[in-house]
N, C-alpha and C. Protein backbone atom coordinates (compact mmCIF):
# COMPACT_ATOMS: atom_id res chain seq x y z
N MET A 1 32.35 -20.18 22.98
CA MET A 1 32.85 -20.24 21.63
C MET A 1 34.31 -19.83 21.60
N THR A 2 35.06 -20.48 20.81
CA THR A 2 36.45 -20.10 20.66
C THR A 2 36.57 -19.02 19.62
N THR A 3 37.67 -18.33 19.68
CA THR A 3 37.95 -17.38 18.61
C THR A 3 39.15 -17.89 17.85
N SER A 4 39.14 -17.67 16.58
CA SER A 4 40.29 -18.07 15.78
C SER A 4 40.93 -16.82 15.22
N HIS A 5 42.20 -16.89 14.97
CA HIS A 5 42.95 -15.74 14.47
C HIS A 5 43.30 -15.98 13.01
N SER A 6 42.86 -15.10 12.16
CA SER A 6 43.24 -15.20 10.75
C SER A 6 44.59 -14.52 10.56
N LEU A 7 45.12 -14.64 9.37
CA LEU A 7 46.41 -14.02 9.07
C LEU A 7 46.38 -12.51 9.19
N SER A 8 45.21 -11.91 8.96
CA SER A 8 45.11 -10.46 9.03
C SER A 8 45.03 -9.95 10.47
N GLY A 9 44.93 -10.87 11.44
CA GLY A 9 44.82 -10.47 12.83
C GLY A 9 43.38 -10.32 13.28
N TYR A 10 42.43 -10.44 12.37
CA TYR A 10 41.01 -10.35 12.71
C TYR A 10 40.59 -11.57 13.51
N GLN A 11 39.84 -11.35 14.57
CA GLN A 11 39.33 -12.46 15.37
C GLN A 11 37.88 -12.70 15.01
N ASP A 12 37.53 -13.95 14.78
CA ASP A 12 36.13 -14.26 14.53
C ASP A 12 35.75 -15.45 15.40
N HIS A 13 34.46 -15.64 15.59
CA HIS A 13 33.97 -16.72 16.44
C HIS A 13 33.98 -18.04 15.70
N GLU A 14 34.29 -19.09 16.42
CA GLU A 14 34.21 -20.45 15.87
C GLU A 14 32.74 -20.71 15.54
N ARG A 15 32.45 -21.08 14.32
CA ARG A 15 31.07 -21.27 13.90
C ARG A 15 30.62 -22.72 13.95
N ARG A 16 31.53 -23.64 14.13
CA ARG A 16 31.15 -25.04 14.17
C ARG A 16 30.49 -25.36 15.50
N HIS A 17 29.31 -25.93 15.42
CA HIS A 17 28.58 -26.29 16.63
C HIS A 17 28.68 -27.78 16.93
N HIS A 18 29.01 -28.59 15.93
CA HIS A 18 29.03 -30.04 16.10
C HIS A 18 30.43 -30.58 16.30
N ARG A 19 30.59 -31.44 17.30
CA ARG A 19 31.82 -32.17 17.54
C ARG A 19 31.45 -33.50 18.15
N ALA A 20 32.36 -34.42 18.13
CA ALA A 20 32.13 -35.73 18.74
C ALA A 20 33.29 -36.06 19.66
N ILE A 21 32.95 -36.49 20.85
CA ILE A 21 33.94 -36.98 21.81
C ILE A 21 34.02 -38.48 21.59
N VAL A 22 35.22 -38.97 21.31
CA VAL A 22 35.42 -40.38 20.98
C VAL A 22 36.09 -41.09 22.15
N THR A 23 35.44 -42.16 22.62
CA THR A 23 36.06 -43.04 23.62
C THR A 23 36.34 -44.37 22.93
N GLU A 24 36.80 -45.36 23.66
CA GLU A 24 37.14 -46.64 23.04
C GLU A 24 35.96 -47.26 22.32
N ASN A 25 34.77 -47.21 22.91
CA ASN A 25 33.61 -47.89 22.34
C ASN A 25 32.50 -46.98 21.84
N THR A 26 32.56 -45.69 22.17
CA THR A 26 31.41 -44.82 21.95
C THR A 26 31.82 -43.47 21.40
N GLU A 27 30.94 -42.87 20.60
CA GLU A 27 31.07 -41.49 20.16
C GLU A 27 29.93 -40.70 20.76
N TYR A 28 30.23 -39.61 21.42
CA TYR A 28 29.22 -38.72 22.00
C TYR A 28 29.18 -37.49 21.11
N HIS A 29 28.10 -37.32 20.37
CA HIS A 29 27.97 -36.21 19.43
C HIS A 29 27.32 -35.03 20.13
N LEU A 30 27.95 -33.86 19.96
CA LEU A 30 27.51 -32.67 20.67
C LEU A 30 27.11 -31.56 19.72
N HIS A 31 26.11 -30.80 20.12
CA HIS A 31 25.79 -29.50 19.52
C HIS A 31 26.13 -28.51 20.62
N ASP A 32 27.21 -27.78 20.44
CA ASP A 32 27.80 -26.98 21.50
C ASP A 32 28.07 -27.92 22.68
N GLU A 33 27.43 -27.74 23.81
CA GLU A 33 27.68 -28.64 24.94
C GLU A 33 26.58 -29.66 25.16
N LEU A 34 25.55 -29.69 24.32
CA LEU A 34 24.42 -30.61 24.47
C LEU A 34 24.68 -31.92 23.71
N CYS A 35 24.52 -33.04 24.38
CA CYS A 35 24.68 -34.34 23.72
C CYS A 35 23.43 -34.63 22.90
N VAL A 36 23.59 -34.70 21.59
CA VAL A 36 22.46 -34.87 20.68
C VAL A 36 22.43 -36.24 20.00
N GLY A 37 23.49 -37.02 20.15
CA GLY A 37 23.54 -38.35 19.55
C GLY A 37 24.65 -39.17 20.17
N VAL A 38 24.40 -40.46 20.31
CA VAL A 38 25.42 -41.37 20.83
C VAL A 38 25.47 -42.57 19.89
N ARG A 39 26.68 -42.91 19.45
CA ARG A 39 26.85 -44.00 18.50
C ARG A 39 27.90 -44.98 19.00
N GLU A 40 27.60 -46.27 18.84
CA GLU A 40 28.55 -47.34 19.16
C GLU A 40 29.59 -47.36 18.05
N ARG A 41 30.85 -47.23 18.40
CA ARG A 41 31.90 -47.07 17.40
C ARG A 41 32.09 -48.28 16.49
N HIS A 42 32.09 -49.46 17.05
CA HIS A 42 32.45 -50.64 16.27
C HIS A 42 31.35 -51.06 15.29
N SER A 43 30.10 -50.91 15.70
CA SER A 43 29.00 -51.30 14.82
C SER A 43 28.44 -50.12 14.02
N GLY A 44 28.66 -48.90 14.52
CA GLY A 44 28.10 -47.71 13.88
C GLY A 44 26.64 -47.49 14.21
N VAL A 45 26.10 -48.26 15.15
CA VAL A 45 24.68 -48.16 15.52
C VAL A 45 24.47 -46.98 16.47
N TRP A 46 23.45 -46.17 16.16
CA TRP A 46 23.06 -45.06 17.03
C TRP A 46 22.25 -45.62 18.19
N MET A 47 22.45 -45.07 19.38
CA MET A 47 21.81 -45.58 20.59
C MET A 47 20.75 -44.58 21.08
N PRO A 48 19.48 -44.79 20.69
CA PRO A 48 18.43 -43.83 21.01
C PRO A 48 18.06 -43.76 22.49
N ASP A 49 18.45 -44.75 23.28
CA ASP A 49 18.09 -44.77 24.69
C ASP A 49 19.27 -44.50 25.62
N HIS A 50 20.37 -44.02 25.08
CA HIS A 50 21.56 -43.79 25.91
C HIS A 50 21.28 -42.66 26.90
N PRO A 51 21.67 -42.85 28.18
CA PRO A 51 21.39 -41.82 29.19
C PRO A 51 22.08 -40.47 28.96
N ALA A 52 23.12 -40.42 28.13
CA ALA A 52 23.79 -39.14 27.88
C ALA A 52 22.99 -38.23 26.96
N LEU A 53 22.04 -38.77 26.21
CA LEU A 53 21.25 -37.94 25.30
C LEU A 53 20.52 -36.85 26.07
N GLY A 54 20.70 -35.63 25.63
CA GLY A 54 20.07 -34.49 26.28
C GLY A 54 20.87 -33.94 27.44
N ALA A 55 21.94 -34.62 27.83
CA ALA A 55 22.78 -34.14 28.94
C ALA A 55 23.75 -33.08 28.42
N ARG A 56 24.24 -32.27 29.33
CA ARG A 56 25.19 -31.21 28.97
C ARG A 56 26.59 -31.57 29.42
N LEU A 57 27.54 -31.31 28.54
CA LEU A 57 28.94 -31.54 28.90
C LEU A 57 29.31 -30.59 30.02
N GLU A 58 29.85 -31.11 31.07
CA GLU A 58 30.18 -30.33 32.26
C GLU A 58 31.41 -29.45 32.04
N ARG A 59 32.27 -29.81 31.11
CA ARG A 59 33.51 -29.06 30.89
C ARG A 59 33.29 -27.90 29.92
N VAL A 60 34.22 -26.96 29.93
CA VAL A 60 34.16 -25.83 29.01
C VAL A 60 34.36 -26.35 27.59
N LEU A 61 33.46 -25.97 26.69
CA LEU A 61 33.52 -26.48 25.33
C LEU A 61 34.19 -25.47 24.40
N GLU A 62 35.42 -25.22 24.63
CA GLU A 62 36.19 -24.43 23.70
C GLU A 62 37.13 -25.39 23.01
N TRP A 63 37.13 -25.35 21.70
CA TRP A 63 37.86 -26.36 20.92
C TRP A 63 39.28 -26.54 21.43
N ALA A 64 40.03 -25.47 21.63
CA ALA A 64 41.43 -25.59 22.08
C ALA A 64 41.51 -26.20 23.47
N LYS A 65 40.60 -25.81 24.36
CA LYS A 65 40.63 -26.32 25.73
C LYS A 65 40.07 -27.74 25.80
N LEU A 66 39.11 -28.06 24.94
CA LEU A 66 38.48 -29.37 24.97
C LEU A 66 39.49 -30.47 24.70
N THR A 67 40.47 -30.21 23.86
CA THR A 67 41.46 -31.25 23.57
C THR A 67 42.24 -31.62 24.82
N GLY A 68 42.19 -30.79 25.86
CA GLY A 68 42.87 -31.09 27.11
C GLY A 68 42.23 -32.23 27.89
N ILE A 69 41.03 -32.67 27.50
CA ILE A 69 40.40 -33.78 28.22
C ILE A 69 40.80 -35.14 27.65
N ILE A 70 41.59 -35.17 26.58
CA ILE A 70 42.01 -36.45 26.02
C ILE A 70 42.80 -37.20 27.08
N GLY A 71 42.41 -38.45 27.30
CA GLY A 71 43.03 -39.27 28.34
C GLY A 71 42.27 -39.25 29.64
N SER A 72 41.35 -38.30 29.81
CA SER A 72 40.53 -38.26 31.02
C SER A 72 39.08 -38.49 30.61
N SER A 73 38.20 -38.57 31.57
CA SER A 73 36.79 -38.80 31.29
C SER A 73 36.08 -37.50 30.96
N ALA A 74 35.14 -37.56 30.04
CA ALA A 74 34.22 -36.44 29.81
C ALA A 74 33.10 -36.64 30.82
N VAL A 75 32.61 -35.56 31.37
CA VAL A 75 31.55 -35.64 32.37
C VAL A 75 30.34 -34.89 31.85
N PHE A 76 29.19 -35.57 31.82
CA PHE A 76 27.93 -34.98 31.39
C PHE A 76 27.04 -34.77 32.61
N LYS A 77 26.42 -33.61 32.69
CA LYS A 77 25.48 -33.31 33.76
C LYS A 77 24.07 -33.62 33.25
N MET A 78 23.40 -34.51 33.98
CA MET A 78 22.05 -34.92 33.60
C MET A 78 21.07 -34.29 34.57
N GLY A 79 19.81 -34.59 34.43
CA GLY A 79 18.78 -34.03 35.30
C GLY A 79 18.93 -34.47 36.74
N ARG A 80 18.37 -33.67 37.64
CA ARG A 80 18.33 -33.96 39.07
C ARG A 80 19.71 -34.17 39.68
N GLY A 81 20.70 -33.50 39.15
CA GLY A 81 22.03 -33.55 39.72
C GLY A 81 22.85 -34.77 39.37
N ALA A 82 22.30 -35.68 38.60
CA ALA A 82 23.05 -36.88 38.22
C ALA A 82 24.13 -36.52 37.22
N VAL A 83 25.22 -37.28 37.24
CA VAL A 83 26.29 -37.08 36.27
C VAL A 83 26.64 -38.42 35.62
N LEU A 84 27.17 -38.34 34.42
CA LEU A 84 27.63 -39.52 33.69
C LEU A 84 29.06 -39.25 33.28
N ALA A 85 29.97 -40.14 33.63
CA ALA A 85 31.37 -40.01 33.24
C ALA A 85 31.69 -41.08 32.20
N THR A 86 32.36 -40.69 31.16
CA THR A 86 32.72 -41.62 30.09
C THR A 86 34.01 -42.35 30.45
N SER A 87 34.33 -43.36 29.67
CA SER A 87 35.66 -43.95 29.75
C SER A 87 36.63 -42.91 29.18
N PRO A 88 37.94 -43.11 29.29
CA PRO A 88 38.89 -42.09 28.83
C PRO A 88 38.66 -41.66 27.37
N VAL A 89 38.72 -40.36 27.17
CA VAL A 89 38.53 -39.77 25.85
C VAL A 89 39.77 -40.04 25.01
N ARG A 90 39.55 -40.53 23.78
CA ARG A 90 40.66 -40.81 22.87
C ARG A 90 40.88 -39.69 21.86
N ASP A 91 39.78 -39.01 21.48
CA ASP A 91 39.90 -37.99 20.45
C ASP A 91 38.67 -37.09 20.48
N ILE A 92 38.81 -35.92 19.89
CA ILE A 92 37.71 -35.00 19.65
C ILE A 92 37.71 -34.78 18.14
N VAL A 93 36.59 -35.08 17.48
CA VAL A 93 36.55 -34.99 16.02
C VAL A 93 35.36 -34.17 15.56
N ARG A 94 35.44 -33.76 14.32
CA ARG A 94 34.29 -33.14 13.67
C ARG A 94 33.49 -34.28 13.04
N PRO A 95 32.19 -34.39 13.37
CA PRO A 95 31.39 -35.50 12.84
C PRO A 95 31.28 -35.47 11.32
N GLU A 96 30.99 -36.64 10.75
CA GLU A 96 30.76 -36.73 9.31
C GLU A 96 29.57 -35.85 8.94
N ARG A 97 29.55 -35.42 7.72
CA ARG A 97 28.50 -34.53 7.23
C ARG A 97 27.10 -35.12 7.44
N GLU A 98 26.96 -36.44 7.36
CA GLU A 98 25.66 -37.10 7.47
C GLU A 98 25.19 -37.27 8.91
N ALA A 99 26.07 -37.17 9.87
CA ALA A 99 25.74 -37.47 11.27
C ALA A 99 24.55 -36.69 11.82
N PRO A 100 24.42 -35.38 11.61
CA PRO A 100 23.28 -34.67 12.19
C PRO A 100 21.91 -35.22 11.78
N GLY A 101 21.83 -35.90 10.66
CA GLY A 101 20.57 -36.52 10.26
C GLY A 101 20.13 -37.65 11.18
N PHE A 102 21.04 -38.15 12.00
CA PHE A 102 20.74 -39.23 12.93
C PHE A 102 20.58 -38.74 14.37
N TYR A 103 20.80 -37.47 14.62
CA TYR A 103 20.70 -36.96 15.98
C TYR A 103 19.26 -37.02 16.46
N LEU A 104 19.08 -37.50 17.69
CA LEU A 104 17.75 -37.65 18.24
C LEU A 104 17.27 -36.40 18.94
N GLN A 105 18.18 -35.64 19.49
CA GLN A 105 17.84 -34.38 20.12
C GLN A 105 18.75 -33.34 19.51
N HIS A 106 18.16 -32.35 18.89
CA HIS A 106 18.99 -31.35 18.24
C HIS A 106 18.33 -29.99 18.39
N PRO A 107 19.03 -29.00 18.92
CA PRO A 107 18.43 -27.68 19.13
C PRO A 107 17.84 -27.07 17.87
N CYS A 108 18.47 -27.27 16.74
CA CYS A 108 17.95 -26.70 15.49
C CYS A 108 16.60 -27.33 15.14
N CYS A 109 16.45 -28.62 15.36
CA CYS A 109 15.19 -29.30 15.07
C CYS A 109 14.11 -28.89 16.06
N ILE A 110 14.48 -28.76 17.33
CA ILE A 110 13.51 -28.39 18.36
C ILE A 110 13.00 -26.98 18.10
N GLU A 111 13.91 -26.05 17.77
CA GLU A 111 13.51 -24.67 17.52
C GLU A 111 12.58 -24.58 16.32
N ALA A 112 12.82 -25.38 15.31
CA ALA A 112 12.00 -25.33 14.11
C ALA A 112 10.73 -26.15 14.26
N GLY A 113 10.62 -26.92 15.36
CA GLY A 113 9.44 -27.74 15.58
C GLY A 113 9.43 -28.98 14.70
N THR A 114 10.60 -29.40 14.24
CA THR A 114 10.69 -30.59 13.39
C THR A 114 11.59 -31.61 14.04
N ARG A 115 11.55 -32.82 13.53
CA ARG A 115 12.44 -33.87 13.98
C ARG A 115 13.17 -34.39 12.77
N PRO A 116 14.31 -35.05 12.99
CA PRO A 116 15.02 -35.62 11.84
C PRO A 116 14.11 -36.55 11.05
N ALA A 117 14.32 -36.60 9.75
CA ALA A 117 13.45 -37.35 8.84
C ALA A 117 13.28 -38.80 9.23
N ARG A 118 14.32 -39.44 9.74
CA ARG A 118 14.22 -40.85 10.06
C ARG A 118 13.32 -41.14 11.24
N LEU A 119 12.95 -40.10 12.02
CA LEU A 119 12.10 -40.29 13.19
C LEU A 119 10.64 -39.95 12.92
N THR A 120 10.33 -39.37 11.77
CA THR A 120 8.95 -38.97 11.50
C THR A 120 8.21 -40.06 10.76
């Protein structure tokens, strides 16, 4: 987690857990370092069978440091030692407010024993 500095000098933890790594054709939506959703950028279609789902971002996920991967590939660590490298990263964004409702794997849903409404 990153820390942010307020004007008073107080340091607090970054509370945002969701971000999206944007490549030319794809958005990789993350909850901390876990890939919870993948969307095709041009059509807006969510890809429920994408191999990155459930994979962990191999890089340090600190907001300030994460922007350093722009122009290079994001690397996801999958099961059994496999890795997935994206095309060059164009941007790191905060997902739209509605996006988590489309996530197929989400730690908050798993912990609560529920799934997003569109999957039930």
